[in-house]
Amino acid sequence: MESAEKEARRALARLQRSLEKTRRELLALRGALETAEGEDFPGEDYATVEGLLDQAHDFATREGRRLQAKILAAGGLEPGRVRRTGGL
C-alpha cells in the first residue's frame, strides 16, 4: 500500500474515533446539564449538534467505503468480490 493510502486510512480511523469520543462527551454533557438545568436546558440545540455528528459519521463511513474501493481497484480487485473469512 502506498504511503498516501496508508496515511488516508490512518486519518480516517482517527476521524472516526474522534467522532465516537465527541458523541460520548456530548451525551455526558447533556446528561449533566439536563439534570442541573431542568426546563431551561436547550434540548433543541443538543439535538441539532447530534444531527451534525450523525452527518459527520455518515460522511466518514462513505469516505471509508470510497477509499476501500479505490485501494481494491488499484490492486486489481473488485470491491464486491472480496470476502472476509473468519480463519487464516
N, C-alpha and C. Protein backbone atom coordinates (compact mmCIF):
# COMPACT_ATOMS: atom_id res chain seq x y z
N MET A 1 0.85 -1.18 0.00
CA MET A 1 0.00 0.00 0.00
C MET A 1 0.90 1.24 0.00
N GLU A 2 0.56 2.19 -0.79
CA GLU A 2 1.33 3.42 -0.88
C GLU A 2 1.19 4.23 0.40
N SER A 3 2.15 5.10 0.64
CA SER A 3 2.13 5.88 1.87
C SER A 3 0.93 6.83 1.93
N ALA A 4 0.51 7.40 0.80
CA ALA A 4 -0.65 8.29 0.80
C ALA A 4 -1.91 7.53 1.18
N GLU A 5 -2.06 6.32 0.67
CA GLU A 5 -3.22 5.50 1.02
C GLU A 5 -3.18 5.11 2.49
N LYS A 6 -2.00 4.76 2.95
CA LYS A 6 -1.83 4.38 4.36
C LYS A 6 -2.18 5.56 5.27
N GLU A 7 -1.69 6.73 4.93
CA GLU A 7 -1.98 7.91 5.74
C GLU A 7 -3.47 8.25 5.70
N ALA A 8 -4.10 8.09 4.54
CA ALA A 8 -5.54 8.35 4.43
C ALA A 8 -6.33 7.41 5.33
N ARG A 9 -5.95 6.13 5.34
CA ARG A 9 -6.65 5.17 6.20
C ARG A 9 -6.46 5.52 7.67
N ARG A 10 -5.25 5.91 8.03
CA ARG A 10 -4.99 6.30 9.42
C ARG A 10 -5.79 7.54 9.81
N ALA A 11 -5.79 8.53 8.92
CA ALA A 11 -6.53 9.77 9.20
C ALA A 11 -8.03 9.48 9.33
N LEU A 12 -8.55 8.62 8.48
CA LEU A 12 -9.95 8.26 8.55
C LEU A 12 -10.27 7.54 9.86
N ALA A 13 -9.40 6.65 10.27
CA ALA A 13 -9.60 5.95 11.54
C ALA A 13 -9.58 6.93 12.71
N ARG A 14 -8.65 7.89 12.67
CA ARG A 14 -8.59 8.91 13.73
C ARG A 14 -9.87 9.74 13.75
N LEU A 15 -10.36 10.11 12.58
CA LEU A 15 -11.59 10.88 12.48
C LEU A 15 -12.76 10.11 13.08
N GLN A 16 -12.88 8.83 12.73
CA GLN A 16 -13.98 8.02 13.25
C GLN A 16 -13.90 7.89 14.76
N ARG A 17 -12.69 7.67 15.29
CA ARG A 17 -12.54 7.58 16.74
C ARG A 17 -12.88 8.90 17.43
N SER A 18 -12.47 10.01 16.82
CA SER A 18 -12.76 11.30 17.44
C SER A 18 -14.26 11.61 17.40
N LEU A 19 -14.94 11.19 16.34
CA LEU A 19 -16.38 11.39 16.29
C LEU A 19 -17.09 10.56 17.36
N GLU A 20 -16.62 9.33 17.56
CA GLU A 20 -17.20 8.49 18.61
C GLU A 20 -16.98 9.11 19.98
N LYS A 21 -15.78 9.61 20.22
CA LYS A 21 -15.48 10.24 21.51
C LYS A 21 -16.31 11.51 21.69
N THR A 22 -16.44 12.29 20.64
CA THR A 22 -17.24 13.51 20.71
C THR A 22 -18.68 13.19 21.07
N ARG A 23 -19.22 12.14 20.48
CA ARG A 23 -20.60 11.74 20.79
C ARG A 23 -20.73 11.35 22.27
N ARG A 24 -19.78 10.56 22.77
CA ARG A 24 -19.82 10.17 24.18
C ARG A 24 -19.74 11.37 25.10
N GLU A 25 -18.85 12.31 24.79
CA GLU A 25 -18.69 13.51 25.62
C GLU A 25 -19.93 14.39 25.55
N LEU A 26 -20.53 14.51 24.38
CA LEU A 26 -21.74 15.30 24.24
C LEU A 26 -22.88 14.69 25.06
N LEU A 27 -23.00 13.37 25.03
CA LEU A 27 -24.04 12.70 25.81
C LEU A 27 -23.80 12.88 27.31
N ALA A 28 -22.54 12.83 27.73
CA ALA A 28 -22.22 13.05 29.14
C ALA A 28 -22.56 14.47 29.55
N LEU A 29 -22.20 15.43 28.71
CA LEU A 29 -22.51 16.84 28.99
C LEU A 29 -24.01 17.05 29.03
N ARG A 30 -24.70 16.47 28.08
CA ARG A 30 -26.16 16.61 28.03
C ARG A 30 -26.79 16.05 29.30
N GLY A 31 -26.35 14.87 29.70
CA GLY A 31 -26.90 14.26 30.91
C GLY A 31 -26.69 15.12 32.14
N ALA A 32 -25.50 15.68 32.28
CA ALA A 32 -25.21 16.51 33.45
C ALA A 32 -26.01 17.81 33.43
N LEU A 33 -26.03 18.48 32.29
CA LEU A 33 -26.72 19.77 32.22
C LEU A 33 -28.24 19.63 32.23
N GLU A 34 -28.73 18.59 31.60
CA GLU A 34 -30.18 18.38 31.57
C GLU A 34 -30.72 18.20 32.99
N THR A 35 -29.96 17.48 33.80
CA THR A 35 -30.34 17.27 35.19
C THR A 35 -30.25 18.57 35.97
N ALA A 36 -29.18 19.32 35.77
CA ALA A 36 -28.96 20.55 36.52
C ALA A 36 -29.90 21.68 36.09
N GLU A 37 -30.18 21.81 34.81
CA GLU A 37 -30.94 22.94 34.30
C GLU A 37 -32.44 22.69 34.19
N GLY A 38 -32.83 21.44 34.11
CA GLY A 38 -34.26 21.14 34.00
C GLY A 38 -34.87 21.71 32.75
N GLU A 39 -35.92 22.50 32.91
CA GLU A 39 -36.65 23.06 31.77
C GLU A 39 -35.86 24.09 30.99
N ASP A 40 -34.82 24.66 31.59
CA ASP A 40 -34.01 25.67 30.91
C ASP A 40 -32.99 25.05 29.95
N PHE A 41 -32.90 23.74 29.95
CA PHE A 41 -31.91 23.06 29.12
C PHE A 41 -32.26 23.23 27.64
N PRO A 42 -31.29 23.63 26.81
CA PRO A 42 -31.55 23.84 25.37
C PRO A 42 -31.51 22.52 24.57
N GLY A 43 -32.50 21.69 24.77
CA GLY A 43 -32.54 20.37 24.14
C GLY A 43 -32.49 20.41 22.64
N GLU A 44 -33.13 21.42 22.03
CA GLU A 44 -33.13 21.52 20.56
C GLU A 44 -31.72 21.76 20.03
N ASP A 45 -30.95 22.56 20.73
CA ASP A 45 -29.56 22.81 20.30
C ASP A 45 -28.75 21.52 20.35
N TYR A 46 -28.94 20.75 21.40
CA TYR A 46 -28.20 19.49 21.52
C TYR A 46 -28.65 18.50 20.45
N ALA A 47 -29.93 18.48 20.15
CA ALA A 47 -30.42 17.61 19.09
C ALA A 47 -29.82 18.01 17.74
N THR A 48 -29.67 19.31 17.51
CA THR A 48 -29.06 19.79 16.28
C THR A 48 -27.61 19.32 16.17
N VAL A 49 -26.86 19.45 17.26
CA VAL A 49 -25.46 19.03 17.26
C VAL A 49 -25.36 17.52 17.06
N GLU A 50 -26.25 16.76 17.69
CA GLU A 50 -26.26 15.30 17.50
C GLU A 50 -26.52 14.96 16.03
N GLY A 51 -27.41 15.71 15.39
CA GLY A 51 -27.68 15.50 13.97
C GLY A 51 -26.45 15.79 13.12
N LEU A 52 -25.72 16.82 13.47
CA LEU A 52 -24.49 17.15 12.74
C LEU A 52 -23.44 16.05 12.93
N LEU A 53 -23.36 15.51 14.13
CA LEU A 53 -22.44 14.39 14.37
C LEU A 53 -22.85 13.17 13.55
N ASP A 54 -24.15 12.93 13.44
CA ASP A 54 -24.63 11.83 12.59
C ASP A 54 -24.18 12.04 11.14
N GLN A 55 -24.30 13.28 10.65
CA GLN A 55 -23.89 13.58 9.29
C GLN A 55 -22.39 13.37 9.11
N ALA A 56 -21.60 13.79 10.10
CA ALA A 56 -20.15 13.61 10.03
C ALA A 56 -19.79 12.13 10.05
N HIS A 57 -20.50 11.35 10.86
CA HIS A 57 -20.27 9.91 10.91
C HIS A 57 -20.61 9.26 9.56
N ASP A 58 -21.73 9.66 8.98
CA ASP A 58 -22.12 9.14 7.67
C ASP A 58 -21.08 9.49 6.61
N PHE A 59 -20.57 10.72 6.67
CA PHE A 59 -19.53 11.14 5.74
C PHE A 59 -18.28 10.27 5.88
N ALA A 60 -17.85 10.04 7.12
CA ALA A 60 -16.66 9.23 7.35
C ALA A 60 -16.88 7.80 6.86
N THR A 61 -18.07 7.27 7.05
CA THR A 61 -18.38 5.92 6.58
C THR A 61 -18.32 5.85 5.05
N ARG A 62 -18.92 6.85 4.39
CA ARG A 62 -18.88 6.89 2.92
C ARG A 62 -17.44 7.02 2.41
N GLU A 63 -16.66 7.86 3.06
CA GLU A 63 -15.27 8.02 2.65
C GLU A 63 -14.48 6.73 2.85
N GLY A 64 -14.78 6.01 3.91
CA GLY A 64 -14.11 4.74 4.14
C GLY A 64 -14.42 3.74 3.04
N ARG A 65 -15.68 3.68 2.64
CA ARG A 65 -16.07 2.78 1.55
C ARG A 65 -15.41 3.19 0.24
N ARG A 66 -15.38 4.50 0.00
CA ARG A 66 -14.79 5.01 -1.23
C ARG A 66 -13.29 4.72 -1.27
N LEU A 67 -12.63 4.95 -0.15
CA LEU A 67 -11.20 4.68 -0.07
C LEU A 67 -10.91 3.20 -0.25
N GLN A 68 -11.70 2.35 0.38
CA GLN A 68 -11.51 0.92 0.25
C GLN A 68 -11.69 0.48 -1.21
N ALA A 69 -12.70 1.01 -1.86
CA ALA A 69 -12.94 0.65 -3.27
C ALA A 69 -11.76 1.08 -4.14
N LYS A 70 -11.21 2.26 -3.88
CA LYS A 70 -10.06 2.73 -4.67
C LYS A 70 -8.85 1.84 -4.42
N ILE A 71 -8.60 1.48 -3.19
CA ILE A 71 -7.45 0.64 -2.87
C ILE A 71 -7.59 -0.73 -3.52
N LEU A 72 -8.79 -1.29 -3.44
CA LEU A 72 -9.02 -2.60 -4.06
C LEU A 72 -8.88 -2.53 -5.57
N ALA A 73 -9.44 -1.48 -6.16
CA ALA A 73 -9.36 -1.33 -7.61
C ALA A 73 -7.91 -1.15 -8.05
N ALA A 74 -7.14 -0.42 -7.27
CA ALA A 74 -5.72 -0.21 -7.61
C ALA A 74 -4.96 -1.54 -7.54
N GLY A 75 -5.44 -2.45 -6.70
CA GLY A 75 -4.81 -3.76 -6.60
C GLY A 75 -5.37 -4.78 -7.57
N GLY A 76 -6.31 -4.34 -8.41
CA GLY A 76 -6.89 -5.23 -9.41
C GLY A 76 -8.04 -6.08 -8.92
N LEU A 77 -8.62 -5.70 -7.78
CA LEU A 77 -9.75 -6.46 -7.22
C LEU A 77 -11.03 -5.67 -7.34
N GLU A 78 -12.13 -6.37 -7.46
CA GLU A 78 -13.43 -5.72 -7.48
C GLU A 78 -13.95 -5.70 -6.05
N PRO A 79 -14.39 -4.54 -5.54
CA PRO A 79 -14.85 -4.46 -4.15
C PRO A 79 -15.96 -5.45 -3.79
N GLY A 80 -16.88 -5.73 -4.68
CA GLY A 80 -17.98 -6.64 -4.38
C GLY A 80 -17.59 -8.12 -4.36
N ARG A 81 -16.40 -8.43 -4.83
CA ARG A 81 -15.99 -9.84 -4.93
C ARG A 81 -15.07 -10.26 -3.81
N VAL A 82 -14.72 -9.34 -2.91
CA VAL A 82 -13.83 -9.67 -1.82
C VAL A 82 -14.66 -10.19 -0.65
N ARG A 83 -14.27 -11.34 -0.14
CA ARG A 83 -14.98 -11.91 1.00
C ARG A 83 -14.05 -11.97 2.19
N ARG A 84 -14.62 -11.73 3.36
CA ARG A 84 -13.84 -11.85 4.58
C ARG A 84 -14.13 -13.21 5.19
N THR A 85 -13.09 -13.85 5.67
CA THR A 85 -13.26 -15.13 6.31
C THR A 85 -12.88 -15.02 7.78
N GLY A 86 -13.37 -15.93 8.57
CA GLY A 86 -13.07 -15.92 9.99
C GLY A 86 -11.74 -16.56 10.32
N GLY A 87 -11.20 -17.33 9.40
CA GLY A 87 -9.94 -18.03 9.65
C GLY A 87 -8.76 -17.37 9.01
N LEU A 88 -7.68 -18.08 8.98
CA LEU A 88 -6.46 -17.55 8.39
C LEU A 88 -6.51 -17.64 6.92
